[in-house]
Amino acid sequence: MADAAVDGTRRVLVAADKFKGSLTAVEVAERVTAGLRRVVPDVRVEALPVADGGDGTVAAAVAAGFERREVRVAGPLGDEVTAAYALREGTAVVEMAEASGLQRLPEGVLAPLTASTYGSGELLRAALDAGARTIVFGVGGSATTDGGAGMLAALGARFLDGDGQPVAPGGGGLAALASADLSGLDPRLPDVELVLASDVDNPLTGPKGAPAVYGPQKGASPDDVRALDAALGHLAKVLERTEGVGARAAGFAASPGAGAAGGIGFGAMLLGARFRPGIEVMLDVLGFAPALERAELVITGEGSLDEQTLHGKAPAGVAAAARAAGKEVVAVCGRLALPAEVLGRAGIRRAYPLTDVEPDVAKCIADAGPILERVAEAIARDFVA
């Protein structure tokens, strides 16, 4: 490890994402800290829970000092839910999954054709009402595939069928779309910097589009996927004919990130959003650079370190930034599916999966906290003591 700090104590930065289904990012940091201190009581640990724009993004911002704000909005099926966003000094962090995520659906219920992003639009409006001048819009974990039409409707757009009536909610309803009117969008939007933070770069439609790649995760059958792909393509075509949008809609539909969170990326681009990899945005917002400067060792991680991790997930972003700063990085995870040489190329010196301590995966999930503390003890012995 790097030399000790001037006062003789080690300085460790814990910048890990959640272990989905087991531990929040905040809990991961707490457990790692407890394990480290059991072996090296005077170790200096700075916790900076991170997220890549998906579920857990607001919690990470609050842990970094943002104020948590709650508001009643429409859930994906139209029922009212309490959702949160984070605010600090004119910057809001809005997580679409808070309003329109899979976790907002009743247990055992999936609604690939009818789930709407209307509540996400209400969250954005709440951030505008609070005076936000910059909005980081984290998208991921959605229950929806509506191209952001619901979100746009909540912000003043109109999507009408041939009889001049609003189309039904969700991606399925877009098949009946005859005209769109974006002239009523909230007038404050052009004066706000809107950043689309996502860990995926899919286009809106096609074999790599939102319905084909992510629709099945939301309960879409093969027939549903075909219907949704056609509906989102139809939405883009109608918007191409719409005053004030025109040909830009076709360009947005093909842009990386348009297919994020069931196509809400496409809707955000119509609002003027700029797409950036979610982890890069969040590291900036959370103040990662100064925290990194203070650290000698960085501990990152997430529930599963696998091939997806390398494509914009939080540990890869943390490791890349730390390597650029010449810092040593190790990772914690529930399960490890990457060989050591691949980890090394990603900037991770070594990974410590919970399954090294407890081979039974079910027990790892059920007792993730105590097992993670034991993993952290091993890191302390190997890299801190």
Protein backbone atom coordinates (compact mmCIF):
# COMPACT_ATOMS: atom_id res chain seq x y z
CA MET A 1 0.00 0.00 0.00
CA ALA A 2 0.97 3.66 -0.26
CA ASP A 3 2.89 5.28 2.56
CA ALA A 4 0.94 6.06 5.71
CA ALA A 5 -0.43 9.52 6.30
CA VAL A 6 1.78 12.06 8.09
CA ASP A 7 0.21 11.24 11.49
CA GLY A 8 0.84 7.52 10.96
CA THR A 9 -2.75 6.47 10.28
CA ARG A 10 -4.04 4.99 7.05
CA ARG A 11 -6.63 6.88 5.01
CA VAL A 12 -9.18 4.75 3.23
CA LEU A 13 -12.02 5.89 0.97
CA VAL A 14 -15.01 3.55 0.74
CA ALA A 15 -16.82 4.39 -2.49
CA ALA A 16 -19.04 1.40 -3.21
CA ASP A 17 -22.49 0.97 -4.75
CA LYS A 18 -25.31 -1.06 -3.18
CA PHE A 19 -25.47 -4.83 -3.02
CA LYS A 20 -28.85 -5.05 -4.70
CA GLY A 21 -31.35 -7.00 -2.63
CA SER A 22 -29.04 -7.11 0.40
CA LEU A 23 -27.40 -3.83 1.40
CA THR A 24 -27.74 -0.17 0.46
CA ALA A 25 -24.60 1.70 -0.51
CA VAL A 26 -24.68 3.43 2.88
CA GLU A 27 -24.89 0.07 4.66
CA VAL A 28 -22.01 -1.31 2.57
CA ALA A 29 -19.84 1.62 3.68
CA GLU A 30 -20.84 1.11 7.33
CA ARG A 31 -20.06 -2.60 7.29
CA VAL A 32 -16.72 -2.16 5.52
CA THR A 33 -15.74 0.55 7.98
CA ALA A 34 -16.63 -1.67 10.94
CA GLY A 35 -14.56 -4.54 9.57
CA LEU A 36 -11.53 -2.37 8.86
CA ARG A 37 -11.59 -0.86 12.36
CA ARG A 38 -11.81 -4.25 13.99
CA VAL A 39 -8.31 -4.97 12.65
CA VAL A 40 -6.88 -1.41 12.53
CA PRO A 41 -8.75 0.65 15.14
CA ASP A 42 -7.14 3.96 14.20
CA VAL A 43 -7.69 3.68 10.44
CA ARG A 44 -9.17 6.84 8.96
CA VAL A 45 -12.15 5.95 6.80
CA GLU A 46 -14.11 8.32 4.63
CA ALA A 47 -17.39 6.92 3.34
CA LEU A 48 -18.75 8.14 0.02
CA PRO A 49 -21.58 5.84 -1.11
CA VAL A 50 -21.91 6.01 -4.89
CA ALA A 51 -24.49 5.21 -7.56
CA ASP A 52 -24.52 5.21 -11.34
CA GLY A 53 -27.84 6.98 -11.88
CA GLY A 54 -30.09 4.00 -11.17
CA ASP A 55 -31.92 3.16 -7.97
CA GLY A 56 -30.01 4.38 -4.94
CA THR A 57 -28.86 7.60 -6.59
CA VAL A 58 -30.87 9.91 -4.33
CA ALA A 59 -29.69 8.01 -1.24
CA ALA A 60 -26.07 8.45 -2.34
CA ALA A 61 -26.61 12.20 -2.80
CA VAL A 62 -28.23 12.51 0.63
CA ALA A 63 -25.31 10.63 2.21
CA ALA A 64 -23.00 13.16 0.56
CA GLY A 65 -24.81 16.09 2.19
CA PHE A 66 -27.75 16.85 -0.08
CA GLU A 67 -31.12 17.59 1.50
CA ARG A 68 -33.77 14.92 1.00
CA ARG A 69 -37.07 16.31 -0.30
CA GLU A 70 -40.23 14.21 -0.50
CA VAL A 71 -43.23 14.76 -2.77
CA ARG A 72 -46.39 12.85 -3.65
CA VAL A 73 -46.37 11.78 -7.30
CA ALA A 74 -47.98 9.19 -9.57
CA GLY A 75 -46.48 5.73 -9.47
CA PRO A 76 -46.03 3.70 -12.67
CA LEU A 77 -49.67 2.52 -12.55
CA GLY A 78 -51.07 5.93 -11.61
CA ASP A 79 -51.49 5.33 -7.89
CA GLU A 80 -49.97 8.02 -5.66
CA VAL A 81 -46.60 7.29 -4.03
CA THR A 82 -44.16 9.27 -1.91
CA ALA A 83 -40.96 9.83 -3.89
CA ALA A 84 -37.78 11.67 -2.97
CA TYR A 85 -35.24 13.82 -4.72
CA ALA A 86 -32.11 15.51 -3.37
CA LEU A 87 -31.22 19.22 -3.38
CA ARG A 88 -28.13 21.23 -2.53
CA GLU A 89 -27.22 24.78 -3.56
CA GLY A 90 -29.34 24.86 -6.70
CA THR A 91 -28.46 21.34 -7.85
CA ALA A 92 -31.13 18.65 -7.72
CA VAL A 93 -30.59 14.93 -8.08
CA VAL A 94 -33.73 13.28 -9.42
CA GLU A 95 -33.96 9.49 -9.66
CA MET A 96 -36.66 8.30 -12.03
CA ALA A 97 -36.91 4.95 -10.24
CA GLU A 98 -38.20 6.81 -7.17
CA ALA A 99 -41.43 7.45 -9.06
CA SER A 100 -41.43 5.01 -11.98
CA GLY A 101 -39.22 2.13 -10.88
CA LEU A 102 -39.95 -1.57 -10.70
CA GLN A 103 -39.97 -1.33 -6.91
CA ARG A 104 -43.06 0.90 -7.18
CA LEU A 105 -45.14 -1.91 -8.66
CA PRO A 106 -47.22 -4.16 -6.38
CA GLU A 107 -45.43 -7.41 -5.56
CA GLY A 108 -45.72 -9.89 -8.39
CA VAL A 109 -47.18 -7.32 -10.79
CA LEU A 110 -45.47 -6.25 -14.01
CA ALA A 111 -47.02 -3.84 -16.50
CA PRO A 112 -44.78 -3.55 -19.57
CA LEU A 113 -47.48 -2.03 -21.81
CA THR A 114 -49.19 0.32 -19.35
CA ALA A 115 -46.57 1.56 -16.85
CA SER A 116 -46.04 5.31 -17.20
CA THR A 117 -43.27 7.80 -16.41
CA TYR A 118 -45.76 10.53 -15.47
CA GLY A 119 -44.53 10.58 -11.86
CA SER A 120 -40.95 11.13 -13.03
CA GLY A 121 -42.13 14.28 -14.77
CA GLU A 122 -43.80 15.37 -11.54
CA LEU A 123 -40.49 14.85 -9.72
CA LEU A 124 -38.70 17.04 -12.26
CA ARG A 125 -41.39 19.69 -11.82
CA ALA A 126 -40.93 19.56 -8.04
CA ALA A 127 -37.19 20.18 -8.51
CA LEU A 128 -38.01 23.17 -10.71
CA ASP A 129 -40.43 24.46 -8.06
CA ALA A 130 -37.63 24.19 -5.49
CA GLY A 131 -35.46 26.50 -7.59
CA ALA A 132 -33.04 23.96 -9.06
CA ARG A 133 -30.83 25.43 -11.76
CA THR A 134 -29.06 22.15 -12.52
CA ILE A 135 -30.91 18.82 -12.49
CA VAL A 136 -29.05 15.54 -12.60
CA PHE A 137 -31.65 13.08 -13.87
CA GLY A 138 -30.59 9.56 -12.96
CA VAL A 139 -32.41 6.93 -14.98
CA GLY A 140 -32.45 3.17 -14.50
CA GLY A 141 -34.43 0.46 -12.78
CA SER A 142 -37.62 1.54 -14.54
CA ALA A 143 -40.90 -0.32 -14.77
CA THR A 144 -41.72 1.62 -17.95
CA THR A 145 -41.25 1.55 -21.71
CA ASP A 146 -43.10 4.69 -22.80
CA GLY A 147 -40.31 6.72 -24.41
CA GLY A 148 -40.71 9.35 -21.69
CA ALA A 149 -44.16 10.32 -22.99
CA GLY A 150 -45.65 10.21 -19.49
CA MET A 151 -42.86 12.41 -18.14
CA LEU A 152 -43.35 14.92 -20.96
CA ALA A 153 -47.12 14.95 -20.34
CA ALA A 154 -46.54 15.80 -16.66
CA LEU A 155 -44.43 18.74 -17.80
CA GLY A 156 -47.10 20.09 -20.15
CA ALA A 157 -46.86 18.13 -23.41
CA ARG A 158 -49.97 16.63 -25.03
CA PHE A 159 -50.16 13.28 -26.83
CA LEU A 160 -53.49 12.83 -28.60
CA ASP A 161 -55.25 10.08 -30.53
CA GLY A 162 -57.27 10.51 -33.71
CA ASP A 163 -60.28 11.81 -31.74
CA GLY A 164 -58.20 14.48 -30.04
CA GLN A 165 -58.19 12.62 -26.70
CA PRO A 166 -55.09 11.84 -24.61
CA VAL A 167 -53.65 8.42 -25.45
CA ALA A 168 -53.69 5.74 -22.77
CA PRO A 169 -50.71 5.65 -20.37
CA GLY A 170 -47.68 3.51 -21.11
CA GLY A 171 -45.90 2.40 -24.22
CA GLY A 172 -48.86 0.38 -25.42
CA GLY A 173 -51.03 3.49 -25.64
CA LEU A 174 -48.61 5.15 -28.04
CA ALA A 175 -49.82 2.89 -30.87
CA ALA A 176 -52.90 5.14 -31.06
CA LEU A 177 -50.89 8.38 -31.13
CA ALA A 178 -52.00 10.74 -33.90
CA SER A 179 -50.48 14.08 -32.86
CA ALA A 180 -48.18 15.61 -30.27
CA ASP A 181 -47.97 19.16 -28.94
CA LEU A 182 -44.90 20.20 -26.95
CA SER A 183 -45.71 23.93 -26.94
CA GLY A 184 -47.06 23.72 -23.39
CA LEU A 185 -43.88 22.37 -21.82
CA ASP A 186 -42.85 24.09 -18.58
CA PRO A 187 -41.28 27.42 -19.60
CA ARG A 188 -38.56 27.09 -16.95
CA LEU A 189 -36.96 24.09 -18.67
CA PRO A 190 -34.83 26.00 -21.22
CA ASP A 191 -33.12 27.88 -18.37
CA VAL A 192 -32.10 24.74 -16.48
CA GLU A 193 -29.09 22.53 -17.14
CA LEU A 194 -30.55 19.03 -17.40
CA VAL A 195 -28.05 16.16 -17.32
CA LEU A 196 -29.20 12.68 -18.30
CA ALA A 197 -27.18 10.29 -16.12
CA SER A 198 -27.32 6.69 -17.27
CA ASP A 199 -25.13 3.61 -17.38
CA VAL A 200 -26.57 2.42 -20.71
CA ASP A 201 -26.06 3.79 -24.21
CA ASN A 202 -28.84 2.00 -26.10
CA PRO A 203 -30.81 3.79 -28.84
CA LEU A 204 -34.59 4.07 -28.58
CA THR A 205 -35.62 1.21 -30.89
CA GLY A 206 -34.23 -1.69 -32.91
CA PRO A 207 -32.36 -4.83 -31.85
CA LYS A 208 -30.37 -2.86 -29.25
CA GLY A 209 -33.24 -0.56 -28.34
CA ALA A 210 -35.16 -0.21 -25.09
CA PRO A 211 -37.95 -2.75 -25.76
CA ALA A 212 -35.71 -5.49 -27.18
CA VAL A 213 -32.97 -5.29 -24.56
CA TYR A 214 -34.84 -4.31 -21.40
CA GLY A 215 -38.49 -5.08 -22.11
CA PRO A 216 -38.26 -8.73 -20.98
CA GLN A 217 -36.93 -7.62 -17.58
CA LYS A 218 -40.16 -5.66 -17.18
CA GLY A 219 -42.40 -8.56 -18.06
CA ALA A 220 -42.70 -8.00 -21.81
CA SER A 221 -43.43 -11.09 -23.89
CA PRO A 222 -41.95 -11.38 -27.41
CA ASP A 223 -45.23 -9.99 -28.78
CA ASP A 224 -45.11 -7.14 -26.25
CA VAL A 225 -41.53 -6.34 -27.28
CA ARG A 226 -42.55 -6.08 -30.93
CA ALA A 227 -45.56 -3.91 -30.03
CA LEU A 228 -43.49 -1.61 -27.83
CA ASP A 229 -40.73 -1.26 -30.41
CA ALA A 230 -43.30 -0.29 -33.03
CA ALA A 231 -45.01 2.12 -30.60
CA LEU A 232 -41.77 3.90 -29.70
CA GLY A 233 -40.82 4.11 -33.38
CA HIS A 234 -44.26 5.60 -34.06
CA LEU A 235 -43.76 8.13 -31.24
CA ALA A 236 -40.49 9.27 -32.83
CA LYS A 237 -42.16 9.56 -36.27
CA VAL A 238 -45.04 11.64 -34.91
CA LEU A 239 -42.59 13.91 -33.09
CA GLU A 240 -40.64 14.36 -36.33
CA ARG A 241 -43.80 15.99 -37.72
CA THR A 242 -44.32 18.08 -34.60
CA GLU A 243 -43.69 21.82 -34.63
CA GLY A 244 -40.76 22.81 -32.45
CA VAL A 245 -39.20 19.34 -32.55
CA GLY A 246 -39.07 18.21 -36.16
CA ALA A 247 -36.06 16.36 -37.48
CA ARG A 248 -34.29 16.52 -34.11
CA ALA A 249 -36.53 13.69 -32.92
CA ALA A 250 -35.01 11.22 -35.38
CA GLY A 251 -31.50 12.16 -34.28
CA PHE A 252 -32.40 11.81 -30.62
CA ALA A 253 -34.01 8.40 -31.19
CA ALA A 254 -30.75 7.05 -32.61
CA SER A 255 -28.56 8.71 -29.95
CA PRO A 256 -26.72 6.76 -27.26
CA GLY A 257 -28.79 6.83 -24.09
CA ALA A 258 -32.14 7.41 -25.81
CA GLY A 259 -33.19 3.90 -24.86
CA ALA A 260 -32.27 4.29 -21.20
CA ALA A 261 -35.01 3.37 -18.72
CA GLY A 262 -37.58 2.37 -21.31
CA GLY A 263 -36.83 5.30 -23.58
CA ILE A 264 -37.10 8.04 -20.97
CA GLY A 265 -33.66 9.08 -22.22
CA PHE A 266 -35.32 10.01 -25.51
CA GLY A 267 -37.91 12.12 -23.70
CA ALA A 268 -35.21 13.83 -21.64
CA MET A 269 -33.28 14.71 -24.82
CA LEU A 270 -36.41 16.41 -26.14
CA LEU A 271 -36.21 18.58 -23.02
CA GLY A 272 -32.64 19.54 -23.86
CA ALA A 273 -30.87 17.04 -21.64
CA ARG A 274 -27.21 16.27 -22.20
CA PHE A 275 -26.28 12.58 -21.89
CA ARG A 276 -23.34 11.62 -19.68
CA PRO A 277 -22.32 8.29 -18.18
CA GLY A 278 -24.13 8.11 -14.86
CA ILE A 279 -21.15 7.26 -12.69
CA GLU A 280 -19.09 10.15 -14.10
CA VAL A 281 -21.89 12.58 -13.31
CA MET A 282 -22.44 11.22 -9.84
CA LEU A 283 -18.75 11.26 -8.93
CA ASP A 284 -18.70 14.95 -9.85
CA VAL A 285 -21.88 15.71 -7.91
CA LEU A 286 -20.82 13.73 -4.83
CA GLY A 287 -17.41 15.39 -4.53
CA PHE A 288 -15.37 12.29 -5.32
CA ALA A 289 -12.24 14.09 -6.55
CA PRO A 290 -11.36 15.85 -3.26
CA ALA A 291 -12.20 12.70 -1.28
CA LEU A 292 -9.92 10.69 -3.56
CA GLU A 293 -7.10 13.14 -3.03
CA ARG A 294 -7.29 12.52 0.73
CA ALA A 295 -7.17 8.72 0.38
CA GLU A 296 -4.37 6.19 0.05
CA LEU A 297 -6.56 3.16 -0.60
CA VAL A 298 -9.96 3.08 -2.32
CA ILE A 299 -12.49 0.33 -1.66
CA THR A 300 -15.26 0.11 -4.24
CA GLY A 301 -17.73 -2.60 -5.16
CA GLU A 302 -21.29 -3.74 -5.87
CA GLY A 303 -23.37 -6.88 -5.50
CA SER A 304 -22.01 -8.65 -8.57
CA LEU A 305 -18.69 -7.87 -10.22
CA ASP A 306 -19.25 -9.19 -13.73
CA GLU A 307 -19.06 -8.22 -17.38
CA GLN A 308 -21.75 -5.55 -16.90
CA THR A 309 -19.57 -3.87 -14.28
CA LEU A 310 -17.07 -2.95 -17.00
CA HIS A 311 -19.70 -1.07 -19.01
CA GLY A 312 -20.35 2.06 -17.01
CA LYS A 313 -21.21 0.62 -13.60
CA ALA A 314 -20.09 2.41 -10.45
CA PRO A 315 -17.04 0.27 -9.52
CA ALA A 316 -15.54 0.67 -12.99
CA GLY A 317 -15.97 4.44 -12.84
CA VAL A 318 -14.48 4.66 -9.36
CA ALA A 319 -11.53 2.45 -10.32
CA ALA A 320 -10.82 4.43 -13.50
CA ALA A 321 -10.75 7.73 -11.63
CA ALA A 322 -8.64 6.30 -8.82
CA ARG A 323 -6.14 4.74 -11.22
CA ALA A 324 -5.79 8.08 -13.02
CA ALA A 325 -4.91 9.61 -9.66
CA GLY A 326 -2.38 6.87 -8.87
CA LYS A 327 -4.41 5.34 -6.04
CA GLU A 328 -4.67 1.67 -5.22
CA VAL A 329 -8.13 0.11 -5.54
CA VAL A 330 -9.66 -3.07 -4.17
CA ALA A 331 -13.26 -4.19 -4.48
CA VAL A 332 -15.88 -5.96 -2.41
CA CYS A 333 -18.77 -7.86 -3.97
CA GLY A 334 -21.33 -10.53 -3.35
CA ARG A 335 -20.18 -12.65 -6.25
CA LEU A 336 -17.17 -12.37 -8.54
CA ALA A 337 -17.40 -13.33 -12.21
CA LEU A 338 -14.29 -11.60 -13.58
CA PRO A 339 -10.77 -13.05 -13.73
CA ALA A 340 -7.91 -11.26 -12.01
CA GLU A 341 -6.39 -9.99 -15.26
CA VAL A 342 -9.65 -8.34 -16.30
CA LEU A 343 -9.96 -6.72 -12.90
CA GLY A 344 -6.41 -5.47 -13.25
CA ARG A 345 -7.12 -3.87 -16.61
CA ALA A 346 -10.08 -2.11 -14.98
CA GLY A 347 -7.79 -0.70 -12.29
CA ILE A 348 -8.83 -3.06 -9.47
CA ARG A 349 -5.90 -4.68 -7.68
CA ARG A 350 -7.95 -7.41 -6.03
CA ALA A 351 -11.60 -8.31 -5.42
CA TYR A 352 -13.02 -9.82 -2.24
CA PRO A 353 -16.34 -11.65 -2.82
CA LEU A 354 -18.58 -12.66 0.07
CA THR A 355 -18.56 -16.19 -1.34
CA ASP A 356 -14.90 -16.52 -0.33
CA VAL A 357 -16.12 -16.41 3.29
CA GLU A 358 -19.48 -18.14 2.84
CA PRO A 359 -19.82 -20.34 -0.28
CA ASP A 360 -23.61 -20.66 0.18
CA VAL A 361 -25.05 -17.85 -1.97
CA ALA A 362 -28.38 -17.85 -0.12
CA LYS A 363 -26.57 -17.30 3.18
CA CYS A 364 -24.49 -14.52 1.60
CA ILE A 365 -27.65 -12.72 0.59
CA ALA A 366 -29.36 -13.26 3.94
CA ASP A 367 -26.33 -12.37 6.09
CA ALA A 368 -24.54 -9.96 3.76
CA GLY A 369 -23.73 -7.39 6.46
CA PRO A 370 -21.81 -9.57 8.93
CA ILE A 371 -20.08 -11.45 6.10
CA LEU A 372 -19.01 -8.16 4.50
CA GLU A 373 -17.45 -7.11 7.81
CA ARG A 374 -15.35 -10.29 7.77
CA VAL A 375 -14.33 -9.52 4.17
CA ALA A 376 -13.29 -6.03 5.25
CA GLU A 377 -11.18 -7.53 8.02
CA ALA A 378 -9.26 -9.45 5.34
CA ILE A 379 -8.74 -6.23 3.37
CA ALA A 380 -7.46 -4.53 6.51
CA ARG A 381 -4.91 -7.30 7.07
CA ASP A 382 -3.81 -7.33 3.42
CA PHE A 383 -3.72 -3.62 2.62
CA VAL A 384 -4.05 -1.46 5.75
CA ALA A 385 -2.34 -3.04 8.74
